[in-house]
Amino acid sequence: MYTLSMVFFRRYKHKLPRFPHTVIPTFRNLCEVLPDEDVEKLLPQLDTHLLELEETAKSNPNVNIVLGRELSERSRYLLTHYPEFGKK
């Protein structure tokens, strides 16, 4: 018999989407391991792009600034923690 906590609080592992076989070689060719110093240089560029997006959003209602900020936040996290990730 399942209890309420067993049914509602079970953790599921979601599978990542699969790339089509034709995309995988192209994706791998575009990937490269960066030195930590190069990754640090990307943070100011990320800030600049977010500011540009915010300016554009003032005059263009089609720009989803909330999504832009979320993407920037997650990108910043990934860049900040880049040295902790494996090379694979």
C-alpha atoms as a PDB file:
ATOM      1  CA  MET A   1       0.000   0.000   0.000  1.00  0.00           C
ATOM      2  CA  TYR A   2       1.278   3.463  -0.907  1.00  0.00           C
ATOM      3  CA  THR A   3       1.183   6.273   1.571  1.00  0.00           C
ATOM      4  CA  LEU A   4       0.558   9.848   0.542  1.00  0.00           C
ATOM      5  CA  SER A   5       4.230  10.756   0.835  1.00  0.00           C
ATOM      6  CA  MET A   6       5.267   7.814  -1.322  1.00  0.00           C
ATOM      7  CA  VAL A   7       2.967   8.854  -4.136  1.00  0.00           C
ATOM      8  CA  PHE A   8       3.544  12.599  -4.164  1.00  0.00           C
ATOM      9  CA  PHE A   9       7.159  12.938  -3.164  1.00  0.00           C
ATOM     10  CA  ARG A  10       8.757  10.263  -5.287  1.00  0.00           C
ATOM     11  CA  ARG A  11      11.694  11.619  -7.256  1.00  0.00           C
ATOM     12  CA  TYR A  12      11.865  10.885 -10.921  1.00  0.00           C
ATOM     13  CA  LYS A  13      14.892  11.100 -13.126  1.00  0.00           C
ATOM     14  CA  HIS A  14      14.072  12.744 -16.441  1.00  0.00           C
ATOM     15  CA  LYS A  15      15.877  11.546 -19.528  1.00  0.00           C
ATOM     16  CA  LEU A  16      17.626  14.135 -21.627  1.00  0.00           C
ATOM     17  CA  PRO A  17      16.347  14.567 -25.163  1.00  0.00           C
ATOM     18  CA  ARG A  18      18.213  12.653 -27.836  1.00  0.00           C
ATOM     19  CA  PHE A  19      19.849  14.546 -30.657  1.00  0.00           C
ATOM     20  CA  PRO A  20      19.244  13.260 -34.178  1.00  0.00           C
ATOM     21  CA  HIS A  21      22.238  11.271 -35.406  1.00  0.00           C
ATOM     22  CA  THR A  22      22.952  13.895 -38.070  1.00  0.00           C
ATOM     23  CA  VAL A  23      23.319  16.646 -35.452  1.00  0.00           C
ATOM     24  CA  ILE A  24      25.694  14.871 -33.064  1.00  0.00           C
ATOM     25  CA  PRO A  25      28.907  15.189 -35.174  1.00  0.00           C
ATOM     26  CA  THR A  26      28.272  18.877 -35.829  1.00  0.00           C
ATOM     27  CA  PHE A  27      27.588  19.536 -32.147  1.00  0.00           C
ATOM     28  CA  ARG A  28      30.774  17.754 -31.090  1.00  0.00           C
ATOM     29  CA  ASN A  29      32.834  19.700 -33.635  1.00  0.00           C
ATOM     30  CA  LEU A  30      31.576  22.952 -32.119  1.00  0.00           C
ATOM     31  CA  CYS A  31      32.458  21.930 -28.555  1.00  0.00           C
ATOM     32  CA  GLU A  32      35.816  22.660 -27.023  1.00  0.00           C
ATOM     33  CA  VAL A  33      37.328  22.752 -23.560  1.00  0.00           C
ATOM     34  CA  LEU A  34      38.239  26.302 -22.570  1.00  0.00           C
ATOM     35  CA  PRO A  35      40.960  27.394 -20.168  1.00  0.00           C
ATOM     36  CA  ASP A  36      39.527  28.832 -16.947  1.00  0.00           C
ATOM     37  CA  GLU A  37      40.901  32.291 -17.815  1.00  0.00           C
ATOM     38  CA  ASP A  38      38.901  32.348 -21.049  1.00  0.00           C
ATOM     39  CA  VAL A  39      35.732  31.385 -19.207  1.00  0.00           C
ATOM     40  CA  GLU A  40      36.187  34.284 -16.772  1.00  0.00           C
ATOM     41  CA  LYS A  41      36.328  36.680 -19.739  1.00  0.00           C
ATOM     42  CA  LEU A  42      32.853  35.562 -20.792  1.00  0.00           C
ATOM     43  CA  LEU A  43      31.142  36.881 -17.638  1.00  0.00           C
ATOM     44  CA  PRO A  44      31.429  40.597 -18.563  1.00  0.00           C
ATOM     45  CA  GLN A  45      30.232  39.757 -22.086  1.00  0.00           C
ATOM     46  CA  LEU A  46      27.213  38.024 -20.591  1.00  0.00           C
ATOM     47  CA  ASP A  47      26.429  41.149 -18.545  1.00  0.00           C
ATOM     48  CA  THR A  48      26.785  43.350 -21.621  1.00  0.00           C
ATOM     49  CA  HIS A  49      24.402  41.201 -23.637  1.00  0.00           C
ATOM     50  CA  LEU A  50      21.837  41.240 -20.845  1.00  0.00           C
ATOM     51  CA  LEU A  51      21.998  45.048 -20.677  1.00  0.00           C
ATOM     52  CA  GLU A  52      21.542  45.226 -24.449  1.00  0.00           C
ATOM     53  CA  LEU A  53      18.568  42.893 -24.206  1.00  0.00           C
ATOM     54  CA  GLU A  54      17.012  45.016 -21.451  1.00  0.00           C
ATOM     55  CA  GLU A  55      17.416  48.132 -23.609  1.00  0.00           C
ATOM     56  CA  THR A  56      15.839  46.389 -26.588  1.00  0.00           C
ATOM     57  CA  ALA A  57      12.971  45.166 -24.421  1.00  0.00           C
ATOM     58  CA  LYS A  58      12.049  48.775 -23.570  1.00  0.00           C
ATOM     59  CA  SER A  59      11.093  49.459 -27.174  1.00  0.00           C
ATOM     60  CA  ASN A  60      10.122  45.966 -28.316  1.00  0.00           C
ATOM     61  CA  PRO A  61       7.290  44.234 -26.442  1.00  0.00           C
ATOM     62  CA  ASN A  62       8.097  40.944 -28.197  1.00  0.00           C
ATOM     63  CA  VAL A  63      11.351  40.577 -26.269  1.00  0.00           C
ATOM     64  CA  ASN A  64      10.878  38.200 -23.355  1.00  0.00           C
ATOM     65  CA  ILE A  65      13.095  39.901 -20.786  1.00  0.00           C
ATOM     66  CA  VAL A  66      12.114  37.474 -18.026  1.00  0.00           C
ATOM     67  CA  LEU A  67      13.397  34.575 -20.113  1.00  0.00           C
ATOM     68  CA  GLY A  68      16.515  36.563 -21.005  1.00  0.00           C
ATOM     69  CA  ARG A  69      17.285  37.172 -17.333  1.00  0.00           C
ATOM     70  CA  GLU A  70      16.711  33.509 -16.489  1.00  0.00           C
ATOM     71  CA  LEU A  71      19.043  32.414 -19.293  1.00  0.00           C
ATOM     72  CA  SER A  72      21.644  34.908 -18.129  1.00  0.00           C
ATOM     73  CA  GLU A  73      21.366  33.690 -14.540  1.00  0.00           C
ATOM     74  CA  ARG A  74      21.793  30.059 -15.518  1.00  0.00           C
ATOM     75  CA  SER A  75      24.622  30.863 -17.927  1.00  0.00           C
ATOM     76  CA  ARG A  76      26.377  32.785 -15.151  1.00  0.00           C
ATOM     77  CA  TYR A  77      26.023  29.782 -12.850  1.00  0.00           C
ATOM     78  CA  LEU A  78      27.475  27.434 -15.471  1.00  0.00           C
ATOM     79  CA  LEU A  79      30.365  29.777 -16.235  1.00  0.00           C
ATOM     80  CA  THR A  80      31.108  30.372 -12.551  1.00  0.00           C
ATOM     81  CA  HIS A  81      31.191  26.635 -11.835  1.00  0.00           C
ATOM     82  CA  TYR A  82      32.952  25.692 -15.086  1.00  0.00           C
ATOM     83  CA  PRO A  83      36.211  24.598 -13.378  1.00  0.00           C
ATOM     84  CA  GLU A  84      34.233  22.071 -11.314  1.00  0.00           C
ATOM     85  CA  PHE A  85      32.850  20.267 -14.367  1.00  0.00           C
ATOM     86  CA  GLY A  86      34.639  17.356 -15.975  1.00  0.00           C
ATOM     87  CA  LYS A  87      36.190  17.693 -19.399  1.00  0.00           C
ATOM     88  CA  LYS A  88      33.711  15.296 -20.973  1.00  0.00           C
END
